[in-house]
PDB file of N, CA and C in Angstrom:
ATOM      1  N   MET A   1      33.767   2.132 -24.433  1.00  0.00           N
ATOM      2  CA  MET A   1      34.334   2.583 -23.181  1.00  0.00           C
ATOM      3  C   MET A   1      34.428   1.388 -22.239  1.00  0.00           C
ATOM      4  N   THR A   2      35.539   1.275 -21.597  1.00  0.00           N
ATOM      5  CA  THR A   2      35.739   0.187 -20.645  1.00  0.00           C
ATOM      6  C   THR A   2      35.479   0.691 -19.231  1.00  0.00           C
ATOM      7  N   LEU A   3      35.367  -0.245 -18.320  1.00  0.00           N
ATOM      8  CA  LEU A   3      35.200   0.106 -16.919  1.00  0.00           C
ATOM      9  C   LEU A   3      36.415   0.892 -16.428  1.00  0.00           C
ATOM     10  N   LYS A   4      37.585   0.519 -16.910  1.00  0.00           N
ATOM     11  CA  LYS A   4      38.820   1.236 -16.541  1.00  0.00           C
ATOM     12  C   LYS A   4      38.761   2.684 -17.030  1.00  0.00           C
ATOM     13  N   ASP A   5      38.279   2.903 -18.264  1.00  0.00           N
ATOM     14  CA  ASP A   5      38.140   4.271 -18.788  1.00  0.00           C
ATOM     15  C   ASP A   5      37.199   5.087 -17.905  1.00  0.00           C
ATOM     16  N   LEU A   6      36.109   4.471 -17.526  1.00  0.00           N
ATOM     17  CA  LEU A   6      35.140   5.151 -16.680  1.00  0.00           C
ATOM     18  C   LEU A   6      35.748   5.490 -15.320  1.00  0.00           C
ATOM     19  N   GLU A   7      36.434   4.532 -14.746  1.00  0.00           N
ATOM     20  CA  GLU A   7      37.086   4.752 -13.455  1.00  0.00           C
ATOM     21  C   GLU A   7      38.117   5.871 -13.555  1.00  0.00           C
ATOM     22  N   ASP A   8      38.913   5.866 -14.609  1.00  0.00           N
ATOM     23  CA  ASP A   8      39.916   6.921 -14.800  1.00  0.00           C
ATOM     24  C   ASP A   8      39.248   8.287 -14.931  1.00  0.00           C
ATOM     25  N   ASN A   9      38.151   8.327 -15.635  1.00  0.00           N
ATOM     26  CA  ASN A   9      37.436   9.583 -15.818  1.00  0.00           C
ATOM     27  C   ASN A   9      36.863  10.083 -14.489  1.00  0.00           C
ATOM     28  N   ILE A  10      36.295   9.192 -13.703  1.00  0.00           N
ATOM     29  CA  ILE A  10      35.749   9.571 -12.398  1.00  0.00           C
ATOM     30  C   ILE A  10      36.854  10.097 -11.498  1.00  0.00           C
ATOM     31  N   ARG A  11      38.018   9.505 -11.572  1.00  0.00           N
ATOM     32  CA  ARG A  11      39.138   9.938 -10.729  1.00  0.00           C
ATOM     33  C   ARG A  11      39.604  11.361 -11.045  1.00  0.00           C
ATOM     34  N   THR A  12      39.222  11.893 -12.207  1.00  0.00           N
ATOM     35  CA  THR A  12      39.597  13.273 -12.534  1.00  0.00           C
ATOM     36  C   THR A  12      38.688  14.282 -11.839  1.00  0.00           C
ATOM     37  N   LEU A  13      37.590  13.802 -11.270  1.00  0.00           N
ATOM     38  CA  LEU A  13      36.656  14.693 -10.580  1.00  0.00           C
ATOM     39  C   LEU A  13      37.116  14.960  -9.152  1.00  0.00           C
ATOM     40  N   PRO A  14      36.734  16.106  -8.610  1.00  0.00           N
ATOM     41  CA  PRO A  14      36.974  16.325  -7.181  1.00  0.00           C
ATOM     42  C   PRO A  14      36.184  15.290  -6.375  1.00  0.00           C
ATOM     43  N   GLU A  15      36.735  14.864  -5.261  1.00  0.00           N
ATOM     44  CA  GLU A  15      36.102  13.805  -4.463  1.00  0.00           C
ATOM     45  C   GLU A  15      34.687  14.154  -4.027  1.00  0.00           C
ATOM     46  N   ASN A  16      34.402  15.440  -3.851  1.00  0.00           N
ATOM     47  CA  ASN A  16      33.061  15.799  -3.390  1.00  0.00           C
ATOM     48  C   ASN A  16      31.991  15.531  -4.453  1.00  0.00           C
ATOM     49  N   PHE A  17      32.384  15.160  -5.687  1.00  0.00           N
ATOM     50  CA  PHE A  17      31.424  14.796  -6.732  1.00  0.00           C
ATOM     51  C   PHE A  17      31.143  13.294  -6.768  1.00  0.00           C
ATOM     52  N   TYR A  18      31.909  12.503  -6.059  1.00  0.00           N
ATOM     53  CA  TYR A  18      31.754  11.049  -6.124  1.00  0.00           C
ATOM     54  C   TYR A  18      30.349  10.597  -5.727  1.00  0.00           C
ATOM     55  N   GLU A  19      29.822  11.208  -4.676  1.00  0.00           N
ATOM     56  CA  GLU A  19      28.484  10.809  -4.223  1.00  0.00           C
ATOM     57  C   GLU A  19      27.439  11.131  -5.292  1.00  0.00           C
ATOM     58  N   GLU A  20      27.584  12.279  -5.950  1.00  0.00           N
ATOM     59  CA  GLU A  20      26.646  12.651  -7.011  1.00  0.00           C
ATOM     60  C   GLU A  20      26.744  11.680  -8.190  1.00  0.00           C
ATOM     61  N   VAL A  21      27.953  11.274  -8.532  1.00  0.00           N
ATOM     62  CA  VAL A  21      28.145  10.293  -9.608  1.00  0.00           C
ATOM     63  C   VAL A  21      27.476   8.976  -9.219  1.00  0.00           C
ATOM     64  N   ASN A  22      27.662   8.569  -7.977  1.00  0.00           N
ATOM     65  CA  ASN A  22      27.055   7.327  -7.508  1.00  0.00           C
ATOM     66  C   ASN A  22      25.527   7.410  -7.539  1.00  0.00           C
ATOM     67  N   ASP A  23      24.982   8.558  -7.137  1.00  0.00           N
ATOM     68  CA  ASP A  23      23.527   8.743  -7.197  1.00  0.00           C
ATOM     69  C   ASP A  23      23.026   8.635  -8.636  1.00  0.00           C
ATOM     70  N   PHE A  24      23.781   9.202  -9.578  1.00  0.00           N
ATOM     71  CA  PHE A  24      23.367   9.141 -10.977  1.00  0.00           C
ATOM     72  C   PHE A  24      23.432   7.703 -11.497  1.00  0.00           C
ATOM     73  N   ILE A  25      24.425   6.964 -11.076  1.00  0.00           N
ATOM     74  CA  ILE A  25      24.519   5.550 -11.466  1.00  0.00           C
ATOM     75  C   ILE A  25      23.303   4.790 -10.938  1.00  0.00           C
ATOM     76  N   ASP A  26      22.922   5.049  -9.677  1.00  0.00           N
ATOM     77  CA  ASP A  26      21.727   4.406  -9.116  1.00  0.00           C
ATOM     78  C   ASP A  26      20.483   4.779  -9.914  1.00  0.00           C
ATOM     79  N   PHE A  27      20.378   6.058 -10.306  1.00  0.00           N
ATOM     80  CA  PHE A  27      19.250   6.502 -11.126  1.00  0.00           C
ATOM     81  C   PHE A  27      19.206   5.734 -12.444  1.00  0.00           C
ATOM     82  N   LEU A  28      20.357   5.613 -13.105  1.00  0.00           N
ATOM     83  CA  LEU A  28      20.407   4.903 -14.389  1.00  0.00           C
ATOM     84  C   LEU A  28      20.018   3.439 -14.228  1.00  0.00           C
ATOM     85  N   LYS A  29      20.482   2.810 -13.152  1.00  0.00           N
ATOM     86  CA  LYS A  29      20.122   1.409 -12.923  1.00  0.00           C
ATOM     87  C   LYS A  29      18.618   1.265 -12.745  1.00  0.00           C
ATOM     88  N   THR A  30      18.020   2.171 -12.005  1.00  0.00           N
ATOM     89  CA  THR A  30      16.575   2.139 -11.801  1.00  0.00           C
ATOM     90  C   THR A  30      15.841   2.374 -13.108  1.00  0.00           C
ATOM     91  N   LYS A  31      16.305   3.357 -13.861  1.00  0.00           N
ATOM     92  CA  LYS A  31      15.648   3.725 -15.117  1.00  0.00           C
ATOM     93  C   LYS A  31      15.668   2.581 -16.123  1.00  0.00           C
ATOM     94  N   TYR A  32      16.779   1.908 -16.257  1.00  0.00           N
ATOM     95  CA  TYR A  32      16.913   0.887 -17.295  1.00  0.00           C
ATOM     96  C   TYR A  32      16.576  -0.517 -16.827  1.00  0.00           C
ATOM     97  N   ASN A  33      16.422  -0.718 -15.533  1.00  0.00           N
ATOM     98  CA  ASN A  33      16.025  -2.034 -15.025  1.00  0.00           C
ATOM     99  C   ASN A  33      14.532  -2.118 -14.772  1.00  0.00           C
ATOM    100  N   ARG A  34      13.825  -1.023 -14.966  1.00  0.00           N
ATOM    101  CA  ARG A  34      12.389  -0.987 -14.692  1.00  0.00           C
ATOM    102  C   ARG A  34      11.634  -1.829 -15.717  1.00  0.00           C
ATOM    103  N   THR A  35      10.702  -2.613 -15.212  1.00  0.00           N
ATOM    104  CA  THR A  35       9.812  -3.386 -16.079  1.00  0.00           C
ATOM    105  C   THR A  35       8.389  -3.054 -15.675  1.00  0.00           C
ATOM    106  N   ASP A  36       7.430  -3.558 -16.417  1.00  0.00           N
ATOM    107  CA  ASP A  36       6.035  -3.327 -16.048  1.00  0.00           C
ATOM    108  C   ASP A  36       5.734  -3.886 -14.663  1.00  0.00           C
ATOM    109  N   GLU A  37       6.426  -4.947 -14.289  1.00  0.00           N
ATOM    110  CA  GLU A  37       6.208  -5.549 -12.977  1.00  0.00           C
ATOM    111  C   GLU A  37       6.947  -4.795 -11.887  1.00  0.00           C
ATOM    112  N   ASN A  38       7.880  -3.938 -12.261  1.00  0.00           N
ATOM    113  CA  ASN A  38       8.732  -3.270 -11.288  1.00  0.00           C
ATOM    114  C   ASN A  38       8.665  -1.753 -11.469  1.00  0.00           C
ATOM    115  N   ASP A  39       7.469  -1.210 -11.655  1.00  0.00           N
ATOM    116  CA  ASP A  39       7.354   0.235 -11.780  1.00  0.00           C
ATOM    117  C   ASP A  39       7.017   0.829 -10.414  1.00  0.00           C
ATOM    118  N   TRP A  40       6.743   2.117 -10.378  1.00  0.00           N
ATOM    119  CA  TRP A  40       6.509   2.797  -9.103  1.00  0.00           C
ATOM    120  C   TRP A  40       5.368   2.182  -8.313  1.00  0.00           C
ATOM    121  N   SER A  41       4.395   1.592  -8.975  1.00  0.00           N
ATOM    122  CA  SER A  41       3.252   1.044  -8.247  1.00  0.00           C
ATOM    123  C   SER A  41       3.649  -0.155  -7.391  1.00  0.00           C
ATOM    124  N   GLY A  42       4.773  -0.763  -7.713  1.00  0.00           N
ATOM    125  CA  GLY A  42       5.226  -1.900  -6.928  1.00  0.00           C
ATOM    126  C   GLY A  42       5.990  -1.511  -5.681  1.00  0.00           C
ATOM    127  N   ILE A  43       6.303  -0.224  -5.537  1.00  0.00           N
ATOM    128  CA  ILE A  43       7.120   0.188  -4.394  1.00  0.00           C
ATOM    129  C   ILE A  43       6.412   1.183  -3.480  1.00  0.00           C
ATOM    130  N   ILE A  44       5.123   1.461  -3.736  1.00  0.00           N
ATOM    131  CA  ILE A  44       4.420   2.382  -2.846  1.00  0.00           C
ATOM    132  C   ILE A  44       3.963   1.641  -1.596  1.00  0.00           C
ATOM    133  N   SER A  45       3.778   2.401  -0.532  1.00  0.00           N
ATOM    134  CA  SER A  45       3.382   1.796   0.743  1.00  0.00           C
ATOM    135  C   SER A  45       1.904   1.413   0.718  1.00  0.00           C
ATOM    136  N   GLU A  46       1.518   0.599   1.675  1.00  0.00           N
ATOM    137  CA  GLU A  46       0.116   0.183   1.770  1.00  0.00           C
ATOM    138  C   GLU A  46      -0.805   1.378   2.018  1.00  0.00           C
ATOM    139  N   PRO A  47      -0.455   2.320   2.918  1.00  0.00           N
ATOM    140  CA  PRO A  47      -1.318   3.503   3.077  1.00  0.00           C
ATOM    141  C   PRO A  47      -1.453   4.309   1.774  1.00  0.00           C
ATOM    142  N   GLN A  48      -0.389   4.409   0.998  1.00  0.00           N
ATOM    143  CA  GLN A  48      -0.463   5.105  -0.289  1.00  0.00           C
ATOM    144  C   GLN A  48      -1.393   4.362  -1.245  1.00  0.00           C
ATOM    145  N   ARG A  49      -1.275   3.051  -1.264  1.00  0.00           N
ATOM    146  CA  ARG A  49      -2.128   2.223  -2.127  1.00  0.00           C
ATOM    147  C   ARG A  49      -3.604   2.384  -1.734  1.00  0.00           C
ATOM    148  N   GLU A  50      -3.877   2.380  -0.428  1.00  0.00           N
ATOM    149  CA  GLU A  50      -5.255   2.552   0.050  1.00  0.00           C
ATOM    150  C   GLU A  50      -5.790   3.937  -0.307  1.00  0.00           C
ATOM    151  N   SER A  51      -4.951   4.948  -0.212  1.00  0.00           N
ATOM    152  CA  SER A  51      -5.364   6.306  -0.566  1.00  0.00           C
ATOM    153  C   SER A  51      -5.736   6.397  -2.045  1.00  0.00           C
ATOM    154  N   ILE A  52      -4.958   5.741  -2.884  1.00  0.00           N
ATOM    155  CA  ILE A  52      -5.257   5.721  -4.322  1.00  0.00           C
ATOM    156  C   ILE A  52      -6.580   4.997  -4.571  1.00  0.00           C
ATOM    157  N   LYS A  53      -6.772   3.863  -3.904  1.00  0.00           N
ATOM    158  CA  LYS A  53      -8.035   3.121  -4.065  1.00  0.00           C
ATOM    159  C   LYS A  53      -9.224   3.972  -3.643  1.00  0.00           C
ATOM    160  N   LYS A  54      -9.075   4.708  -2.533  1.00  0.00           N
ATOM    161  CA  LYS A  54     -10.159   5.575  -2.066  1.00  0.00           C
ATOM    162  C   LYS A  54     -10.440   6.663  -3.096  1.00  0.00           C
ATOM    163  N   GLY A  55      -9.393   7.245  -3.665  1.00  0.00           N
ATOM    164  CA  GLY A  55      -9.574   8.269  -4.687  1.00  0.00           C
ATOM    165  C   GLY A  55     -10.296   7.739  -5.913  1.00  0.00           C
ATOM    166  N   VAL A  56      -9.925   6.555  -6.347  1.00  0.00           N
ATOM    167  CA  VAL A  56     -10.595   5.936  -7.501  1.00  0.00           C
ATOM    168  C   VAL A  56     -12.062   5.679  -7.166  1.00  0.00           C
ATOM    169  N   ASP A  57     -12.319   5.172  -5.956  1.00  0.00           N
ATOM    170  CA  ASP A  57     -13.699   4.924  -5.533  1.00  0.00           C
ATOM    171  C   ASP A  57     -14.494   6.230  -5.495  1.00  0.00           C
ATOM    172  N   ASP A  58     -13.886   7.298  -4.989  1.00  0.00           N
ATOM    173  CA  ASP A  58     -14.559   8.604  -4.971  1.00  0.00           C
ATOM    174  C   ASP A  58     -14.915   9.049  -6.386  1.00  0.00           C
ATOM    175  N   ILE A  59     -14.004   8.888  -7.313  1.00  0.00           N
ATOM    176  CA  ILE A  59     -14.262   9.280  -8.707  1.00  0.00           C
ATOM    177  C   ILE A  59     -15.390   8.439  -9.294  1.00  0.00           C
ATOM    178  N   GLU A  60     -15.321   7.126  -9.087  1.00  0.00           N
ATOM    179  CA  GLU A  60     -16.333   6.225  -9.650  1.00  0.00           C
ATOM    180  C   GLU A  60     -17.720   6.476  -9.071  1.00  0.00           C
ATOM    181  N   ASN A  61     -17.784   7.001  -7.844  1.00  0.00           N
ATOM    182  CA  ASN A  61     -19.071   7.243  -7.185  1.00  0.00           C
ATOM    183  C   ASN A  61     -19.420   8.731  -7.136  1.00  0.00           C
ATOM    184  N   ASP A  62     -18.806   9.487  -8.027  1.00  0.00           N
ATOM    185  CA  ASP A  62     -19.110  10.910  -8.211  1.00  0.00           C
ATOM    186  C   ASP A  62     -18.973  11.723  -6.921  1.00  0.00           C
ATOM    187  N   ARG A  63     -17.981  11.391  -6.112  1.00  0.00           N
ATOM    188  CA  ARG A  63     -17.695  12.171  -4.910  1.00  0.00           C
ATOM    189  C   ARG A  63     -16.477  13.054  -5.193  1.00  0.00           C
ATOM    190  N   THR A  64     -16.665  13.992  -6.089  1.00  0.00           N
ATOM    191  CA  THR A  64     -15.581  14.890  -6.482  1.00  0.00           C
ATOM    192  C   THR A  64     -16.083  16.324  -6.454  1.00  0.00           C
ATOM    193  N   LEU A  65     -15.140  17.270  -6.479  1.00  0.00           N
ATOM    194  CA  LEU A  65     -15.456  18.692  -6.540  1.00  0.00           C
ATOM    195  C   LEU A  65     -14.758  19.293  -7.749  1.00  0.00           C
ATOM    196  N   SER A  66     -15.368  20.314  -8.304  1.00  0.00           N
ATOM    197  CA  SER A  66     -14.665  21.061  -9.348  1.00  0.00           C
ATOM    198  C   SER A  66     -13.532  21.842  -8.680  1.00  0.00           C
ATOM    199  N   HIS A  67     -12.602  22.292  -9.470  1.00  0.00           N
ATOM    200  CA  HIS A  67     -11.485  23.076  -8.935  1.00  0.00           C
ATOM    201  C   HIS A  67     -12.014  24.320  -8.216  1.00  0.00           C
ATOM    202  N   GLU A  68     -12.973  24.982  -8.832  1.00  0.00           N
ATOM    203  CA  GLU A  68     -13.544  26.198  -8.250  1.00  0.00           C
ATOM    204  C   GLU A  68     -14.237  25.900  -6.921  1.00  0.00           C
ATOM    205  N   SER A  69     -14.977  24.808  -6.872  1.00  0.00           N
ATOM    206  CA  SER A  69     -15.666  24.432  -5.627  1.00  0.00           C
ATOM    207  C   SER A  69     -14.667  24.116  -4.521  1.00  0.00           C
ATOM    208  N   ALA A  70     -13.611  23.432  -4.870  1.00  0.00           N
ATOM    209  CA  ALA A  70     -12.584  23.105  -3.878  1.00  0.00           C
ATOM    210  C   ALA A  70     -11.916  24.377  -3.366  1.00  0.00           C
ATOM    211  N   GLN A  71     -11.610  25.304  -4.265  1.00  0.00           N
ATOM    212  CA  GLN A  71     -10.999  26.568  -3.847  1.00  0.00           C
ATOM    213  C   GLN A  71     -11.916  27.317  -2.881  1.00  0.00           C
ATOM    214  N   LYS A  72     -13.214  27.378  -3.203  1.00  0.00           N
ATOM    215  CA  LYS A  72     -14.163  28.087  -2.345  1.00  0.00           C
ATOM    216  C   LYS A  72     -14.262  27.405  -0.987  1.00  0.00           C
ATOM    217  N   LYS A  73     -14.313  26.094  -0.988  1.00  0.00           N
ATOM    218  CA  LYS A  73     -14.411  25.344   0.269  1.00  0.00           C
ATOM    219  C   LYS A  73     -13.188  25.615   1.155  1.00  0.00           C
ATOM    220  N   ILE A  74     -12.015  25.625   0.564  1.00  0.00           N
ATOM    221  CA  ILE A  74     -10.785  25.895   1.319  1.00  0.00           C
ATOM    222  C   ILE A  74     -10.773  27.336   1.811  1.00  0.00           C
ATOM    223  N   LYS A  75     -11.151  28.267   0.943  1.00  0.00           N
ATOM    224  CA  LYS A  75     -11.186  29.685   1.320  1.00  0.00           C
ATOM    225  C   LYS A  75     -12.156  29.904   2.483  1.00  0.00           C
ATOM    226  N   ASP A  76     -13.333  29.299   2.414  1.00  0.00           N
ATOM    227  CA  ASP A  76     -14.320  29.425   3.490  1.00  0.00           C
ATOM    228  C   ASP A  76     -13.798  28.809   4.785  1.00  0.00           C
ATOM    229  N   TYR A  77     -13.118  27.679   4.688  1.00  0.00           N
ATOM    230  CA  TYR A  77     -12.558  27.019   5.875  1.00  0.00           C
ATOM    231  C   TYR A  77     -11.514  27.915   6.534  1.00  0.00           C
ATOM    232  N   ILE A  78     -10.626  28.479   5.739  1.00  0.00           N
ATOM    233  CA  ILE A  78      -9.584  29.361   6.281  1.00  0.00           C
ATOM    234  C   ILE A  78     -10.211  30.591   6.927  1.00  0.00           C
ATOM    235  N   ALA A  79     -11.210  31.161   6.275  1.00  0.00           N
ATOM    236  CA  ALA A  79     -11.885  32.342   6.824  1.00  0.00           C
ATOM    237  C   ALA A  79     -12.554  32.018   8.161  1.00  0.00           C
ATOM    238  N   SER A  80     -13.073  30.813   8.311  1.00  0.00           N
ATOM    239  CA  SER A  80     -13.751  30.440   9.558  1.00  0.00           C
ATOM    240  C   SER A  80     -12.771  30.264  10.716  1.00  0.00           C
ATOM    241  N   LYS A  81     -11.492  30.102  10.419  1.00  0.00           N
ATOM    242  CA  LYS A  81     -10.478  29.887  11.456  1.00  0.00           C
ATOM    243  C   LYS A  81      -9.828  31.185  11.922  1.00  0.00           C
ATOM    244  N   LYS A  82     -10.174  32.289  11.283  1.00  0.00           N
ATOM    245  CA  LYS A  82      -9.566  33.582  11.661  1.00  0.00           C
ATOM    246  C   LYS A  82     -10.251  34.187  12.851  1.00  0.00           C
TER     247      LYS A  82
END
């Protein structure tokens, strides 16, 4: 397939699909240009990175709750606000 074939094919679409086609092209470029050095971890914000570090530290220092304990804690908190 040539670029001309692709362009001709896109031109058969209603114009309101052009943006969706462009978004898909951007997705494909991201998907196939990704390397180990350029994965999602390279594009997260500093606050997100710090939050992840805190979570890892909590896990390593046994500051975690079971799912059931977390549910009870949330349920009790909500009940206290009524």
